[in-house]
Amino acid sequence: MQRQDVIPSLVLSGYALGRIAAQDAGNDAPAAQWRVLTLLERSGPRRVGELAAAARTTQPGMTRLVGVLERDGLVLRSPVAEDSRATAVAITEAGSDALQAWRAEFRDTLAPRFAGLADEDWSILTRAAKILAAHTTNDSTGAAQ
């Protein structure tokens, strides 16, 4: 594989693993839900517009998703102190618990696909995961993803 093909291959493989895990686990929650909860867990409360930009979706679409998440008790909207017209969205304890459960489900569903890996391969994947995490810490605006 050529060097310039490695990153796209990793990204596409990651997307594929996410789809496989959701399908195999029978998890019908939208992937956007987990992305938003992960973003809120990592970065703290955000405005809907910021969430929409980070998730690369429309503000009306994000408003609908946040409404569903709030109805399910996974996020909480509250006023922004410096702008009374704005609201911030924060993950709730139930949202954090749901995210942890989803991660465990994701891990347990995919584990059999990797059960036969040698220790050397696990070391390589561990190093790759650390490298990828280091390069996905901040988006172009400097906000944690």
N, C-alpha and C. Protein backbone atom coordinates (compact mmCIF):
# COMPACT_ATOMS: atom_id res chain seq x y z
N MET A 1 0.85 -1.18 0.00
CA MET A 1 0.00 0.00 0.00
C MET A 1 0.90 1.24 0.00
N GLN A 2 0.54 2.20 -0.82
CA GLN A 2 1.28 3.44 -0.90
C GLN A 2 0.99 4.30 0.32
N ARG A 3 1.95 5.09 0.75
CA ARG A 3 1.81 5.94 1.93
C ARG A 3 0.55 6.81 1.86
N GLN A 4 0.28 7.41 0.70
CA GLN A 4 -0.87 8.31 0.58
C GLN A 4 -2.20 7.56 0.68
N ASP A 5 -2.18 6.25 0.58
CA ASP A 5 -3.40 5.45 0.66
C ASP A 5 -3.69 4.94 2.08
N VAL A 6 -2.75 5.08 2.98
CA VAL A 6 -2.91 4.51 4.32
C VAL A 6 -4.02 5.21 5.10
N ILE A 7 -4.00 6.54 5.16
CA ILE A 7 -4.99 7.27 5.95
C ILE A 7 -6.41 7.02 5.43
N PRO A 8 -6.67 7.18 4.12
CA PRO A 8 -8.03 6.88 3.64
C PRO A 8 -8.44 5.44 3.95
N SER A 9 -7.52 4.50 3.85
CA SER A 9 -7.84 3.11 4.15
C SER A 9 -8.24 2.94 5.62
N LEU A 10 -7.50 3.59 6.52
CA LEU A 10 -7.84 3.53 7.94
C LEU A 10 -9.22 4.13 8.21
N VAL A 11 -9.50 5.28 7.61
CA VAL A 11 -10.78 5.94 7.82
C VAL A 11 -11.92 5.07 7.31
N LEU A 12 -11.78 4.55 6.10
CA LEU A 12 -12.84 3.72 5.53
C LEU A 12 -13.02 2.42 6.31
N SER A 13 -11.93 1.85 6.78
CA SER A 13 -12.02 0.64 7.60
C SER A 13 -12.71 0.94 8.92
N GLY A 14 -12.42 2.10 9.50
CA GLY A 14 -13.09 2.50 10.74
C GLY A 14 -14.59 2.65 10.54
N TYR A 15 -14.99 3.30 9.43
CA TYR A 15 -16.42 3.43 9.14
C TYR A 15 -17.06 2.05 8.98
N ALA A 16 -16.37 1.17 8.24
CA ALA A 16 -16.90 -0.18 8.02
C ALA A 16 -17.06 -0.93 9.33
N LEU A 17 -16.06 -0.84 10.21
CA LEU A 17 -16.16 -1.51 11.51
C LEU A 17 -17.33 -0.97 12.33
N GLY A 18 -17.55 0.32 12.26
CA GLY A 18 -18.69 0.92 12.96
C GLY A 18 -20.01 0.39 12.44
N ARG A 19 -20.14 0.30 11.13
CA ARG A 19 -21.38 -0.24 10.54
C ARG A 19 -21.56 -1.71 10.91
N ILE A 20 -20.48 -2.48 10.83
CA ILE A 20 -20.54 -3.91 11.17
C ILE A 20 -20.95 -4.09 12.62
N ALA A 21 -20.33 -3.34 13.51
CA ALA A 21 -20.65 -3.46 14.94
C ALA A 21 -22.11 -3.13 15.21
N ALA A 22 -22.61 -2.05 14.61
CA ALA A 22 -24.01 -1.65 14.82
C ALA A 22 -24.95 -2.71 14.28
N GLN A 23 -24.64 -3.22 13.09
CA GLN A 23 -25.50 -4.23 12.48
C GLN A 23 -25.45 -5.53 13.27
N ASP A 24 -24.27 -6.01 13.61
CA ASP A 24 -24.14 -7.28 14.34
C ASP A 24 -24.75 -7.20 15.73
N ALA A 25 -24.67 -6.04 16.35
CA ALA A 25 -25.24 -5.88 17.70
C ALA A 25 -26.73 -5.58 17.66
N GLY A 26 -27.25 -5.26 16.48
CA GLY A 26 -28.66 -4.91 16.38
C GLY A 26 -28.96 -3.55 16.98
N ASN A 27 -27.93 -2.70 17.05
CA ASN A 27 -28.09 -1.37 17.62
C ASN A 27 -28.63 -0.45 16.54
N ASP A 28 -29.87 0.01 16.71
CA ASP A 28 -30.48 0.84 15.68
C ASP A 28 -30.39 2.34 15.97
N ALA A 29 -29.68 2.71 17.02
CA ALA A 29 -29.49 4.13 17.30
C ALA A 29 -28.63 4.73 16.19
N PRO A 30 -28.95 5.94 15.77
CA PRO A 30 -28.16 6.55 14.69
C PRO A 30 -26.72 6.82 15.14
N ALA A 31 -25.79 6.62 14.22
CA ALA A 31 -24.38 6.87 14.52
C ALA A 31 -24.18 8.31 14.98
N ALA A 32 -24.98 9.24 14.45
CA ALA A 32 -24.85 10.65 14.84
C ALA A 32 -25.08 10.83 16.33
N GLN A 33 -25.95 10.01 16.91
CA GLN A 33 -26.21 10.10 18.35
C GLN A 33 -24.92 9.84 19.12
N TRP A 34 -24.19 8.81 18.75
CA TRP A 34 -22.96 8.46 19.46
C TRP A 34 -21.86 9.49 19.21
N ARG A 35 -21.82 10.04 17.99
CA ARG A 35 -20.84 11.10 17.70
C ARG A 35 -21.09 12.32 18.57
N VAL A 36 -22.35 12.73 18.69
CA VAL A 36 -22.69 13.91 19.49
C VAL A 36 -22.40 13.67 20.97
N LEU A 37 -22.78 12.52 21.48
CA LEU A 37 -22.52 12.22 22.89
C LEU A 37 -21.01 12.16 23.16
N THR A 38 -20.26 11.58 22.23
CA THR A 38 -18.80 11.54 22.39
C THR A 38 -18.22 12.94 22.38
N LEU A 39 -18.67 13.77 21.47
CA LEU A 39 -18.20 15.15 21.40
C LEU A 39 -18.49 15.89 22.70
N LEU A 40 -19.70 15.74 23.21
CA LEU A 40 -20.07 16.42 24.46
C LEU A 40 -19.27 15.88 25.64
N GLU A 41 -19.02 14.59 25.64
CA GLU A 41 -18.24 14.00 26.73
C GLU A 41 -16.81 14.54 26.72
N ARG A 42 -16.24 14.69 25.53
CA ARG A 42 -14.85 15.15 25.42
C ARG A 42 -14.69 16.64 25.61
N SER A 43 -15.64 17.42 25.10
CA SER A 43 -15.44 18.87 25.06
C SER A 43 -16.30 19.65 26.02
N GLY A 44 -17.27 18.99 26.64
CA GLY A 44 -18.18 19.72 27.52
C GLY A 44 -19.32 20.33 26.73
N PRO A 45 -20.16 21.14 27.40
CA PRO A 45 -21.35 21.71 26.76
C PRO A 45 -21.00 22.52 25.51
N ARG A 46 -21.86 22.40 24.51
CA ARG A 46 -21.69 23.12 23.24
C ARG A 46 -23.04 23.63 22.79
N ARG A 47 -23.02 24.69 22.02
CA ARG A 47 -24.23 25.20 21.39
C ARG A 47 -24.61 24.28 20.23
N VAL A 48 -25.89 24.30 19.87
CA VAL A 48 -26.38 23.44 18.79
C VAL A 48 -25.63 23.71 17.49
N GLY A 49 -25.39 24.98 17.19
CA GLY A 49 -24.66 25.32 15.96
C GLY A 49 -23.25 24.74 15.95
N GLU A 50 -22.59 24.77 17.10
CA GLU A 50 -21.25 24.19 17.20
C GLU A 50 -21.30 22.68 17.01
N LEU A 51 -22.32 22.05 17.59
CA LEU A 51 -22.48 20.60 17.41
C LEU A 51 -22.73 20.27 15.94
N ALA A 52 -23.58 21.05 15.30
CA ALA A 52 -23.89 20.82 13.88
C ALA A 52 -22.63 20.94 13.04
N ALA A 53 -21.84 21.97 13.29
CA ALA A 53 -20.61 22.15 12.52
C ALA A 53 -19.64 21.00 12.77
N ALA A 54 -19.49 20.60 14.02
CA ALA A 54 -18.56 19.51 14.35
C ALA A 54 -19.02 18.19 13.76
N ALA A 55 -20.33 17.97 13.68
CA ALA A 55 -20.87 16.72 13.15
C ALA A 55 -21.10 16.80 11.64
N ARG A 56 -20.83 17.96 11.06
CA ARG A 56 -21.01 18.18 9.62
C ARG A 56 -22.44 17.90 9.18
N THR A 57 -23.37 18.51 9.91
CA THR A 57 -24.78 18.38 9.58
C THR A 57 -25.42 19.76 9.66
N THR A 58 -26.68 19.85 9.34
CA THR A 58 -27.36 21.13 9.39
C THR A 58 -27.79 21.45 10.81
N GLN A 59 -27.97 22.72 11.08
CA GLN A 59 -28.44 23.12 12.40
C GLN A 59 -29.85 22.58 12.66
N PRO A 60 -30.79 22.64 11.70
CA PRO A 60 -32.11 22.05 11.96
C PRO A 60 -32.02 20.53 12.25
N GLY A 61 -31.16 19.83 11.52
CA GLY A 61 -30.98 18.41 11.77
C GLY A 61 -30.43 18.14 13.16
N MET A 62 -29.47 18.96 13.58
CA MET A 62 -28.89 18.80 14.91
C MET A 62 -29.92 19.17 15.98
N THR A 63 -30.72 20.19 15.71
CA THR A 63 -31.76 20.57 16.67
C THR A 63 -32.72 19.41 16.88
N ARG A 64 -33.10 18.72 15.80
CA ARG A 64 -33.98 17.55 15.93
C ARG A 64 -33.30 16.44 16.73
N LEU A 65 -32.04 16.15 16.42
CA LEU A 65 -31.33 15.10 17.14
C LEU A 65 -31.19 15.44 18.62
N VAL A 66 -30.84 16.68 18.93
CA VAL A 66 -30.72 17.10 20.32
C VAL A 66 -32.07 16.97 21.02
N GLY A 67 -33.16 17.28 20.32
CA GLY A 67 -34.49 17.11 20.91
C GLY A 67 -34.77 15.67 21.29
N VAL A 68 -34.39 14.74 20.41
CA VAL A 68 -34.57 13.31 20.70
C VAL A 68 -33.69 12.90 21.87
N LEU A 69 -32.43 13.34 21.85
CA LEU A 69 -31.50 12.99 22.93
C LEU A 69 -31.99 13.56 24.27
N GLU A 70 -32.54 14.77 24.22
CA GLU A 70 -33.05 15.39 25.45
C GLU A 70 -34.29 14.64 25.95
N ARG A 71 -35.17 14.28 25.04
CA ARG A 71 -36.37 13.52 25.41
C ARG A 71 -35.99 12.18 26.06
N ASP A 72 -34.90 11.58 25.57
CA ASP A 72 -34.43 10.30 26.11
C ASP A 72 -33.57 10.47 27.36
N GLY A 73 -33.35 11.73 27.78
CA GLY A 73 -32.60 11.99 29.00
C GLY A 73 -31.09 11.87 28.84
N LEU A 74 -30.60 11.89 27.60
CA LEU A 74 -29.17 11.72 27.35
C LEU A 74 -28.40 13.03 27.33
N VAL A 75 -29.11 14.13 27.06
CA VAL A 75 -28.50 15.46 27.09
C VAL A 75 -29.46 16.41 27.79
N LEU A 76 -28.93 17.56 28.18
CA LEU A 76 -29.72 18.59 28.84
C LEU A 76 -29.36 19.93 28.21
N ARG A 77 -30.38 20.70 27.85
CA ARG A 77 -30.16 22.05 27.33
C ARG A 77 -30.29 23.03 28.48
N SER A 78 -29.41 24.03 28.48
CA SER A 78 -29.49 25.07 29.50
C SER A 78 -29.04 26.39 28.89
N PRO A 79 -29.50 27.51 29.47
CA PRO A 79 -29.14 28.82 28.92
C PRO A 79 -27.64 29.08 29.02
N VAL A 80 -27.13 29.82 28.04
CA VAL A 80 -25.74 30.26 28.04
C VAL A 80 -25.70 31.58 28.80
N ALA A 81 -24.86 31.65 29.82
CA ALA A 81 -24.82 32.82 30.70
C ALA A 81 -24.58 34.13 29.94
N GLU A 82 -23.65 34.12 29.00
CA GLU A 82 -23.29 35.37 28.31
C GLU A 82 -24.23 35.74 27.16
N ASP A 83 -25.18 34.85 26.81
CA ASP A 83 -26.11 35.12 25.72
C ASP A 83 -27.45 34.48 26.06
N SER A 84 -28.38 35.25 26.57
CA SER A 84 -29.65 34.72 27.06
C SER A 84 -30.49 34.07 25.95
N ARG A 85 -30.18 34.36 24.69
CA ARG A 85 -30.92 33.76 23.58
C ARG A 85 -30.40 32.38 23.23
N ALA A 86 -29.20 32.06 23.66
CA ALA A 86 -28.55 30.80 23.28
C ALA A 86 -28.69 29.74 24.36
N THR A 87 -28.63 28.49 23.92
CA THR A 87 -28.63 27.38 24.87
C THR A 87 -27.42 26.49 24.59
N ALA A 88 -26.93 25.90 25.65
CA ALA A 88 -25.83 24.95 25.54
C ALA A 88 -26.40 23.56 25.80
N VAL A 89 -25.81 22.59 25.13
CA VAL A 89 -26.22 21.20 25.28
C VAL A 89 -25.11 20.49 26.03
N ALA A 90 -25.47 19.75 27.07
CA ALA A 90 -24.50 19.00 27.86
C ALA A 90 -24.95 17.55 27.97
N ILE A 91 -24.00 16.66 28.05
CA ILE A 91 -24.32 15.25 28.25
C ILE A 91 -24.73 15.04 29.70
N THR A 92 -25.72 14.20 29.91
CA THR A 92 -26.18 13.88 31.26
C THR A 92 -25.47 12.61 31.75
N GLU A 93 -25.68 12.28 33.00
CA GLU A 93 -25.12 11.03 33.53
C GLU A 93 -25.69 9.84 32.75
N ALA A 94 -26.98 9.90 32.43
CA ALA A 94 -27.60 8.83 31.64
C ALA A 94 -26.97 8.76 30.25
N GLY A 95 -26.63 9.91 29.68
CA GLY A 95 -25.96 9.95 28.38
C GLY A 95 -24.58 9.32 28.45
N SER A 96 -23.84 9.64 29.52
CA SER A 96 -22.51 9.04 29.71
C SER A 96 -22.62 7.53 29.90
N ASP A 97 -23.63 7.11 30.67
CA ASP A 97 -23.84 5.68 30.88
C ASP A 97 -24.19 4.97 29.57
N ALA A 98 -25.05 5.59 28.77
CA ALA A 98 -25.43 5.00 27.48
C ALA A 98 -24.22 4.92 26.56
N LEU A 99 -23.39 5.94 26.58
CA LEU A 99 -22.19 5.96 25.75
C LEU A 99 -21.22 4.85 26.17
N GLN A 100 -21.05 4.69 27.47
CA GLN A 100 -20.19 3.61 27.99
C GLN A 100 -20.73 2.24 27.57
N ALA A 101 -22.04 2.07 27.68
CA ALA A 101 -22.66 0.80 27.30
C ALA A 101 -22.49 0.54 25.81
N TRP A 102 -22.65 1.59 25.00
CA TRP A 102 -22.47 1.44 23.55
C TRP A 102 -21.03 1.05 23.22
N ARG A 103 -20.07 1.68 23.89
CA ARG A 103 -18.66 1.35 23.65
C ARG A 103 -18.37 -0.11 24.02
N ALA A 104 -18.94 -0.56 25.14
CA ALA A 104 -18.74 -1.96 25.55
C ALA A 104 -19.39 -2.91 24.53
N GLU A 105 -20.59 -2.55 24.07
CA GLU A 105 -21.27 -3.36 23.06
C GLU A 105 -20.45 -3.41 21.77
N PHE A 106 -19.95 -2.27 21.37
CA PHE A 106 -19.11 -2.14 20.18
C PHE A 106 -17.87 -3.03 20.31
N ARG A 107 -17.20 -2.92 21.46
CA ARG A 107 -16.00 -3.72 21.73
C ARG A 107 -16.31 -5.20 21.70
N ASP A 108 -17.35 -5.61 22.42
CA ASP A 108 -17.69 -7.02 22.53
C ASP A 108 -18.16 -7.61 21.20
N THR A 109 -18.83 -6.82 20.40
CA THR A 109 -19.31 -7.28 19.10
C THR A 109 -18.15 -7.48 18.12
N LEU A 110 -17.17 -6.60 18.17
CA LEU A 110 -16.05 -6.69 17.23
C LEU A 110 -14.92 -7.61 17.71
N ALA A 111 -14.87 -7.89 19.00
CA ALA A 111 -13.75 -8.68 19.55
C ALA A 111 -13.51 -10.00 18.81
N PRO A 112 -14.54 -10.77 18.45
CA PRO A 112 -14.26 -12.03 17.76
C PRO A 112 -13.53 -11.87 16.42
N ARG A 113 -13.71 -10.75 15.76
CA ARG A 113 -13.03 -10.51 14.49
C ARG A 113 -11.52 -10.36 14.67
N PHE A 114 -11.09 -10.04 15.88
CA PHE A 114 -9.68 -9.79 16.14
C PHE A 114 -9.06 -10.82 17.10
N ALA A 115 -9.83 -11.82 17.45
CA ALA A 115 -9.39 -12.80 18.45
C ALA A 115 -8.10 -13.52 18.06
N GLY A 116 -7.88 -13.73 16.79
CA GLY A 116 -6.71 -14.49 16.35
C GLY A 116 -5.45 -13.67 16.13
N LEU A 117 -5.48 -12.39 16.46
CA LEU A 117 -4.29 -11.55 16.23
C LEU A 117 -3.16 -11.93 17.17
N ALA A 118 -1.97 -11.89 16.64
CA ALA A 118 -0.77 -12.14 17.45
C ALA A 118 -0.46 -10.90 18.29
N ASP A 119 0.33 -11.10 19.33
CA ASP A 119 0.71 -9.99 20.21
C ASP A 119 1.36 -8.86 19.42
N GLU A 120 2.16 -9.19 18.44
CA GLU A 120 2.81 -8.16 17.62
C GLU A 120 1.78 -7.32 16.88
N ASP A 121 0.76 -7.97 16.35
CA ASP A 121 -0.30 -7.23 15.66
C ASP A 121 -1.08 -6.33 16.63
N TRP A 122 -1.32 -6.83 17.85
CA TRP A 122 -1.98 -5.99 18.86
C TRP A 122 -1.12 -4.77 19.20
N SER A 123 0.17 -4.96 19.26
CA SER A 123 1.08 -3.83 19.53
C SER A 123 0.99 -2.80 18.41
N ILE A 124 0.92 -3.28 17.19
CA ILE A 124 0.82 -2.38 16.04
C ILE A 124 -0.50 -1.62 16.08
N LEU A 125 -1.60 -2.33 16.34
CA LEU A 125 -2.90 -1.67 16.41
C LEU A 125 -2.97 -0.68 17.57
N THR A 126 -2.36 -1.04 18.69
CA THR A 126 -2.34 -0.13 19.84
C THR A 126 -1.59 1.14 19.49
N ARG A 127 -0.46 1.00 18.85
CA ARG A 127 0.33 2.18 18.42
C ARG A 127 -0.46 3.01 17.41
N ALA A 128 -1.10 2.34 16.45
CA ALA A 128 -1.90 3.06 15.44
C ALA A 128 -3.05 3.82 16.12
N ALA A 129 -3.70 3.18 17.09
CA ALA A 129 -4.81 3.85 17.80
C ALA A 129 -4.31 5.10 18.52
N LYS A 130 -3.15 5.02 19.13
CA LYS A 130 -2.59 6.18 19.82
C LYS A 130 -2.24 7.30 18.84
N ILE A 131 -1.68 6.92 17.71
CA ILE A 131 -1.34 7.92 16.69
C ILE A 131 -2.61 8.59 16.17
N LEU A 132 -3.63 7.79 15.85
CA LEU A 132 -4.88 8.35 15.34
C LEU A 132 -5.54 9.25 16.38
N ALA A 133 -5.54 8.82 17.63
CA ALA A 133 -6.13 9.65 18.70
C ALA A 133 -5.41 10.98 18.82
N ALA A 134 -4.10 10.96 18.68
CA ALA A 134 -3.32 12.20 18.79
C ALA A 134 -3.62 13.16 17.65
N HIS A 135 -4.05 12.62 16.51
CA HIS A 135 -4.33 13.47 15.35
C HIS A 135 -5.81 13.78 15.19
N THR A 136 -6.61 13.37 16.14
CA THR A 136 -8.05 13.70 16.09
C THR A 136 -8.49 14.44 17.34
N THR A 137 -7.54 14.91 18.11
CA THR A 137 -7.86 15.62 19.34
C THR A 137 -8.54 16.95 19.06
N ASN A 138 -8.10 17.69 18.06
CA ASN A 138 -8.65 19.01 17.77
C ASN A 138 -9.08 19.12 16.32
N ASP A 139 -10.20 19.83 16.11
CA ASP A 139 -10.62 20.13 14.74
C ASP A 139 -9.96 21.43 14.31
N SER A 140 -10.29 21.92 13.14
CA SER A 140 -9.64 23.11 12.59
C SER A 140 -9.91 24.37 13.41
N THR A 141 -10.94 24.34 14.26
CA THR A 141 -11.24 25.52 15.07
C THR A 141 -10.56 25.45 16.43
N GLY A 142 -9.89 24.32 16.69
CA GLY A 142 -9.22 24.16 17.97
C GLY A 142 -10.09 23.56 19.05
N ALA A 143 -11.34 23.24 18.70
CA ALA A 143 -12.25 22.64 19.68
C ALA A 143 -12.05 21.13 19.67
N ALA A 144 -12.04 20.53 20.84
CA ALA A 144 -11.87 19.09 20.94
C ALA A 144 -13.04 18.39 20.27
N GLN A 145 -12.73 17.28 19.60
CA GLN A 145 -13.78 16.50 18.94
C GLN A 145 -14.15 15.31 19.76
